[in-house]
């Protein structure tokens, strides 16, 4: 029974260590509360991109598989990836410029149709 309890934690550590360049810096903590099981994952700042993946697809896949592992033991399991100190995120591109340009194009098209 104790082996089943830590199966989710071992699964996350195993998968993440296989993905990253610094497997010795992978640490995971398991906490249980009224919401279920929470696994907090700590990785090297240089490995954050590999764990998260493009548009978060790798992290989403790990979470999906983790829910399957948790379902085997009737537990709700969630994964929280802790952003390491000193990590820098690239700034998000400004989303305001594109809609304004598209709006101007639409106005021009409508005016052209009013012949």
N, C-alpha and C. Protein backbone atom coordinates (compact mmCIF):
# COMPACT_ATOMS: atom_id res chain seq x y z
N UNK A 1 0.82 -1.19 0.00
CA UNK A 1 0.00 0.00 0.00
C UNK A 1 0.87 1.26 0.00
N UNK A 2 1.93 1.28 0.79
CA UNK A 2 2.82 2.44 0.84
C UNK A 2 3.48 2.66 -0.51
N UNK A 3 3.71 1.59 -1.24
CA UNK A 3 4.31 1.69 -2.56
C UNK A 3 3.39 2.43 -3.52
N UNK A 4 2.08 2.17 -3.44
CA UNK A 4 1.11 2.84 -4.28
C UNK A 4 1.04 4.33 -3.98
N UNK A 5 1.23 4.70 -2.73
CA UNK A 5 1.10 6.10 -2.32
C UNK A 5 2.15 6.97 -3.00
N UNK A 6 3.37 6.54 -3.07
CA UNK A 6 4.43 7.35 -3.65
C UNK A 6 4.64 7.09 -5.14
N UNK A 7 3.78 6.30 -5.74
CA UNK A 7 3.92 5.98 -7.15
C UNK A 7 3.83 7.24 -8.01
N UNK A 8 2.94 8.17 -7.68
CA UNK A 8 2.80 9.38 -8.45
C UNK A 8 4.04 10.26 -8.36
N UNK A 9 4.61 10.37 -7.17
CA UNK A 9 5.83 11.16 -6.98
C UNK A 9 6.99 10.55 -7.75
N UNK A 10 7.15 9.25 -7.65
CA UNK A 10 8.23 8.56 -8.37
C UNK A 10 8.06 8.69 -9.88
N UNK A 11 6.82 8.65 -10.34
CA UNK A 11 6.55 8.79 -11.77
C UNK A 11 7.02 10.15 -12.28
N UNK A 12 6.65 11.22 -11.57
CA UNK A 12 7.03 12.57 -12.00
C UNK A 12 8.54 12.72 -12.02
N UNK A 13 9.20 12.28 -10.96
CA UNK A 13 10.66 12.40 -10.89
C UNK A 13 11.32 11.62 -12.02
N UNK A 14 10.84 10.42 -12.29
CA UNK A 14 11.41 9.59 -13.34
C UNK A 14 11.28 10.25 -14.71
N UNK A 15 10.09 10.75 -15.03
CA UNK A 15 9.85 11.36 -16.34
C UNK A 15 10.65 12.64 -16.51
N UNK A 16 10.62 13.49 -15.49
CA UNK A 16 11.31 14.78 -15.59
C UNK A 16 12.82 14.59 -15.67
N UNK A 17 13.37 13.66 -14.90
CA UNK A 17 14.82 13.41 -14.97
C UNK A 17 15.23 12.93 -16.36
N UNK A 18 14.34 12.23 -17.04
CA UNK A 18 14.65 11.77 -18.40
C UNK A 18 14.62 12.92 -19.40
N UNK A 19 13.91 14.00 -19.08
CA UNK A 19 13.77 15.12 -20.01
C UNK A 19 14.87 16.17 -19.89
N UNK A 20 15.37 16.41 -18.69
CA UNK A 20 16.23 17.56 -18.43
C UNK A 20 17.71 17.25 -18.61
N UNK A 21 18.50 18.34 -18.69
CA UNK A 21 19.95 18.21 -18.81
C UNK A 21 20.64 18.07 -17.45
N UNK A 22 19.96 18.51 -16.38
CA UNK A 22 20.52 18.45 -15.03
C UNK A 22 19.62 17.61 -14.13
N UNK A 23 19.61 16.29 -14.32
CA UNK A 23 18.69 15.45 -13.54
C UNK A 23 18.98 15.44 -12.04
N UNK A 24 20.21 15.76 -11.65
CA UNK A 24 20.54 15.77 -10.23
C UNK A 24 19.89 16.94 -9.48
N UNK A 25 19.40 17.94 -10.22
CA UNK A 25 18.76 19.10 -9.58
C UNK A 25 17.24 19.00 -9.56
N UNK A 26 16.69 17.88 -9.99
CA UNK A 26 15.24 17.67 -9.97
C UNK A 26 14.83 17.24 -8.57
N UNK A 27 13.87 17.99 -8.00
CA UNK A 27 13.35 17.65 -6.68
C UNK A 27 11.83 17.77 -6.74
N UNK A 28 11.15 16.90 -6.06
CA UNK A 28 9.70 16.94 -6.01
C UNK A 28 9.23 16.70 -4.58
N UNK A 29 8.16 17.41 -4.22
CA UNK A 29 7.58 17.26 -2.89
C UNK A 29 6.11 16.88 -3.06
N UNK A 30 5.63 16.05 -2.17
CA UNK A 30 4.25 15.57 -2.23
C UNK A 30 3.51 16.02 -0.99
N UNK A 31 2.40 16.74 -1.18
CA UNK A 31 1.57 17.16 -0.06
C UNK A 31 0.13 16.74 -0.32
N UNK A 32 -0.58 16.46 0.77
CA UNK A 32 -1.97 16.03 0.66
C UNK A 32 -2.82 17.02 1.44
N UNK A 33 -3.92 17.47 0.82
CA UNK A 33 -4.88 18.32 1.51
C UNK A 33 -6.29 17.93 1.08
N UNK A 34 -7.27 18.76 1.40
CA UNK A 34 -8.66 18.41 1.08
C UNK A 34 -8.93 18.39 -0.43
N UNK A 35 -8.09 19.04 -1.22
CA UNK A 35 -8.26 19.06 -2.67
C UNK A 35 -7.66 17.83 -3.34
N UNK A 36 -6.81 17.11 -2.64
CA UNK A 36 -6.16 15.94 -3.20
C UNK A 36 -4.66 15.98 -2.97
N UNK A 37 -3.94 15.41 -3.90
CA UNK A 37 -2.48 15.33 -3.80
C UNK A 37 -1.88 16.42 -4.69
N UNK A 38 -0.91 17.15 -4.16
CA UNK A 38 -0.19 18.16 -4.92
C UNK A 38 1.28 17.79 -4.96
N UNK A 39 1.82 17.69 -6.16
CA UNK A 39 3.24 17.43 -6.32
C UNK A 39 3.88 18.73 -6.81
N UNK A 40 4.80 19.26 -6.03
CA UNK A 40 5.53 20.48 -6.38
C UNK A 40 6.88 20.08 -6.96
N UNK A 41 7.15 20.55 -8.16
CA UNK A 41 8.36 20.16 -8.88
C UNK A 41 9.34 21.32 -8.94
N UNK A 42 10.58 21.05 -8.56
CA UNK A 42 11.66 22.03 -8.62
C UNK A 42 12.71 21.52 -9.61
N UNK A 43 13.09 22.36 -10.58
CA UNK A 43 14.13 22.00 -11.55
C UNK A 43 15.11 23.14 -11.68
N UNK A 44 16.22 22.88 -12.32
CA UNK A 44 17.23 23.89 -12.60
C UNK A 44 16.63 24.94 -13.53
N UNK A 45 16.96 26.22 -13.34
CA UNK A 45 16.40 27.26 -14.21
C UNK A 45 16.66 27.02 -15.70
N UNK A 46 17.78 26.41 -16.03
CA UNK A 46 18.10 26.14 -17.43
C UNK A 46 17.21 25.06 -18.03
N UNK A 47 16.57 24.25 -17.19
CA UNK A 47 15.74 23.14 -17.67
C UNK A 47 14.25 23.47 -17.73
N UNK A 48 13.87 24.67 -17.33
CA UNK A 48 12.44 25.01 -17.30
C UNK A 48 11.79 24.86 -18.67
N UNK A 49 12.47 25.29 -19.71
CA UNK A 49 11.91 25.20 -21.06
C UNK A 49 11.66 23.76 -21.49
N UNK A 50 12.53 22.86 -21.08
CA UNK A 50 12.36 21.45 -21.46
C UNK A 50 11.19 20.82 -20.70
N UNK A 51 10.98 21.23 -19.48
CA UNK A 51 9.89 20.66 -18.68
C UNK A 51 8.54 21.21 -19.14
N UNK A 52 8.51 22.49 -19.47
CA UNK A 52 7.25 23.10 -19.89
C UNK A 52 6.94 22.78 -21.35
N UNK A 53 7.93 22.85 -22.21
CA UNK A 53 7.72 22.52 -23.62
C UNK A 53 7.10 23.68 -24.39
N UNK A 54 6.94 23.48 -25.67
CA UNK A 54 6.35 24.52 -26.52
C UNK A 54 4.88 24.70 -26.16
N UNK A 55 4.53 25.91 -25.86
CA UNK A 55 3.17 26.29 -25.48
C UNK A 55 2.63 25.41 -24.36
N UNK A 56 3.53 24.91 -23.51
CA UNK A 56 3.13 24.15 -22.35
C UNK A 56 2.71 22.72 -22.62
N UNK A 57 3.00 22.21 -23.80
CA UNK A 57 2.53 20.88 -24.17
C UNK A 57 3.19 19.77 -23.37
N UNK A 58 4.47 19.90 -23.05
CA UNK A 58 5.13 18.85 -22.28
C UNK A 58 4.56 18.80 -20.86
N UNK A 59 4.41 19.96 -20.24
CA UNK A 59 3.83 20.01 -18.89
C UNK A 59 2.40 19.47 -18.89
N UNK A 60 1.65 19.82 -19.90
CA UNK A 60 0.26 19.34 -20.00
C UNK A 60 0.23 17.81 -20.14
N UNK A 61 1.14 17.27 -20.91
CA UNK A 61 1.21 15.82 -21.09
C UNK A 61 1.59 15.11 -19.80
N UNK A 62 2.55 15.68 -19.07
CA UNK A 62 2.95 15.09 -17.79
C UNK A 62 1.77 15.11 -16.83
N UNK A 63 1.03 16.22 -16.80
CA UNK A 63 -0.13 16.32 -15.92
C UNK A 63 -1.21 15.30 -16.28
N UNK A 64 -1.42 15.11 -17.57
CA UNK A 64 -2.42 14.13 -18.01
C UNK A 64 -2.04 12.73 -17.58
N UNK A 65 -0.79 12.35 -17.80
CA UNK A 65 -0.32 11.03 -17.39
C UNK A 65 -0.36 10.87 -15.87
N UNK A 66 -0.06 11.96 -15.16
CA UNK A 66 -0.08 11.92 -13.70
C UNK A 66 -1.50 11.68 -13.19
N UNK A 67 -2.49 12.25 -13.85
CA UNK A 67 -3.88 12.01 -13.45
C UNK A 67 -4.27 10.55 -13.65
N UNK A 68 -3.73 9.92 -14.69
CA UNK A 68 -3.98 8.50 -14.91
C UNK A 68 -3.35 7.67 -13.80
N UNK A 69 -2.12 8.01 -13.43
CA UNK A 69 -1.45 7.30 -12.34
C UNK A 69 -2.24 7.48 -11.04
N UNK A 70 -2.73 8.68 -10.80
CA UNK A 70 -3.51 8.94 -9.60
C UNK A 70 -4.85 8.22 -9.61
N UNK A 71 -5.45 8.08 -10.78
CA UNK A 71 -6.75 7.41 -10.88
C UNK A 71 -6.65 5.94 -10.48
N UNK A 72 -5.50 5.33 -10.70
CA UNK A 72 -5.31 3.93 -10.31
C UNK A 72 -5.44 3.75 -8.80
N UNK A 73 -5.08 4.79 -8.05
CA UNK A 73 -5.18 4.70 -6.59
C UNK A 73 -6.31 5.59 -6.05
N UNK A 74 -7.25 5.96 -6.92
CA UNK A 74 -8.41 6.78 -6.55
C UNK A 74 -8.01 8.09 -5.87
N UNK A 75 -7.01 8.76 -6.41
CA UNK A 75 -6.54 10.02 -5.85
C UNK A 75 -6.53 11.09 -6.94
N UNK A 76 -6.87 12.29 -6.56
CA UNK A 76 -6.80 13.43 -7.48
C UNK A 76 -5.40 14.03 -7.32
N UNK A 77 -4.62 13.97 -8.38
CA UNK A 77 -3.22 14.41 -8.31
C UNK A 77 -3.01 15.59 -9.24
N UNK A 78 -2.38 16.63 -8.71
CA UNK A 78 -2.05 17.82 -9.49
C UNK A 78 -0.55 18.07 -9.43
N UNK A 79 -0.04 18.72 -10.48
CA UNK A 79 1.38 19.04 -10.57
C UNK A 79 1.56 20.55 -10.62
N UNK A 80 2.43 21.05 -9.76
CA UNK A 80 2.77 22.47 -9.75
C UNK A 80 4.26 22.58 -10.03
N UNK A 81 4.60 23.28 -11.09
CA UNK A 81 6.01 23.48 -11.45
C UNK A 81 6.44 24.80 -10.83
N UNK A 82 7.37 24.72 -9.90
CA UNK A 82 7.84 25.91 -9.18
C UNK A 82 8.90 26.61 -10.02
N UNK A 83 8.66 27.90 -10.28
CA UNK A 83 9.63 28.68 -11.05
C UNK A 83 10.84 28.96 -10.16
N UNK A 84 12.03 28.55 -10.60
CA UNK A 84 13.23 28.74 -9.76
C UNK A 84 13.62 30.21 -9.65
N UNK A 85 14.26 30.54 -8.54
CA UNK A 85 14.75 31.89 -8.36
C UNK A 85 15.83 32.17 -9.40
N UNK A 86 15.81 33.36 -9.93
CA UNK A 86 16.81 33.73 -10.91
C UNK A 86 16.43 33.39 -12.34
N UNK A 87 15.31 32.75 -12.54
CA UNK A 87 14.90 32.44 -13.91
C UNK A 87 14.29 33.69 -14.53
N UNK A 88 14.47 33.82 -15.81
CA UNK A 88 13.92 34.97 -16.51
C UNK A 88 13.00 34.49 -17.61
N UNK A 89 11.83 35.07 -17.66
CA UNK A 89 10.89 34.74 -18.72
C UNK A 89 11.03 35.78 -19.82
N UNK A 90 10.94 35.36 -21.07
CA UNK A 90 10.94 36.36 -22.13
C UNK A 90 9.63 37.13 -22.07
N UNK A 91 9.67 38.43 -22.39
CA UNK A 91 8.44 39.21 -22.33
C UNK A 91 7.43 38.72 -23.36
N UNK A 92 6.16 38.77 -22.97
CA UNK A 92 5.12 38.34 -23.89
C UNK A 92 4.96 39.40 -24.97
N UNK A 93 4.72 38.99 -26.23
CA UNK A 93 4.54 39.96 -27.29
C UNK A 93 3.27 40.77 -27.06
N UNK A 94 3.31 42.02 -27.45
CA UNK A 94 2.15 42.90 -27.28
C UNK A 94 1.03 42.45 -28.21
N UNK A 95 -0.14 42.23 -27.63
CA UNK A 95 -1.28 41.75 -28.42
C UNK A 95 -2.14 42.89 -28.91
N UNK A 96 -1.82 44.12 -28.54
CA UNK A 96 -2.67 45.25 -28.91
C UNK A 96 -2.43 45.73 -30.33
N UNK A 97 -1.26 45.52 -30.88
CA UNK A 97 -0.96 46.04 -32.22
C UNK A 97 -1.70 45.28 -33.31
N UNK A 98 -1.83 44.00 -33.21
CA UNK A 98 -2.46 43.20 -34.26
C UNK A 98 -3.95 43.49 -34.41
N UNK A 99 -4.76 43.56 -33.35
CA UNK A 99 -6.18 43.82 -33.54
C UNK A 99 -6.44 45.19 -34.15
N UNK A 100 -5.66 46.20 -33.80
CA UNK A 100 -5.86 47.52 -34.36
C UNK A 100 -5.62 47.51 -35.87
N UNK A 101 -4.57 46.82 -36.29
CA UNK A 101 -4.27 46.73 -37.71
C UNK A 101 -5.37 45.96 -38.44
N UNK A 102 -5.86 44.91 -37.83
CA UNK A 102 -6.93 44.12 -38.44
C UNK A 102 -8.21 44.93 -38.53
N UNK A 103 -8.47 45.77 -37.52
CA UNK A 103 -9.66 46.60 -37.52
C UNK A 103 -9.60 47.63 -38.64
N UNK A 104 -8.42 48.22 -38.87
CA UNK A 104 -8.27 49.18 -39.95
C UNK A 104 -8.49 48.50 -41.30
N UNK A 105 -7.98 47.31 -41.49
CA UNK A 105 -8.16 46.58 -42.73
C UNK A 105 -9.63 46.28 -42.98
N UNK A 106 -10.35 45.91 -41.93
CA UNK A 106 -11.77 45.61 -42.07
C UNK A 106 -12.55 46.86 -42.44
N UNK A 107 -12.18 48.00 -41.88
CA UNK A 107 -12.85 49.26 -42.20
C UNK A 107 -12.62 49.62 -43.66
N UNK A 108 -11.40 49.45 -44.14
CA UNK A 108 -11.09 49.74 -45.54
C UNK A 108 -11.90 48.87 -46.48
N UNK A 109 -12.06 47.60 -46.13
CA UNK A 109 -12.81 46.68 -46.97
C UNK A 109 -14.28 47.09 -47.03
N UNK A 110 -14.85 47.46 -45.87
CA UNK A 110 -16.24 47.87 -45.82
C UNK A 110 -16.45 49.15 -46.65
N UNK A 111 -15.53 50.10 -46.55
CA UNK A 111 -15.65 51.35 -47.32
C UNK A 111 -15.53 51.08 -48.82
N UNK A 112 -14.68 50.13 -49.20
CA UNK A 112 -14.55 49.78 -50.61
C UNK A 112 -15.84 49.17 -51.14
N UNK A 113 -16.58 48.46 -50.32
CA UNK A 113 -17.81 47.82 -50.76
C UNK A 113 -18.97 48.80 -50.90
N UNK A 114 -18.86 49.98 -50.30
CA UNK A 114 -19.94 50.96 -50.35
C UNK A 114 -20.02 51.72 -51.66
N UNK A 115 -19.26 51.45 -52.60
CA UNK A 115 -19.22 52.10 -53.90
C UNK A 115 -20.25 53.15 -53.96
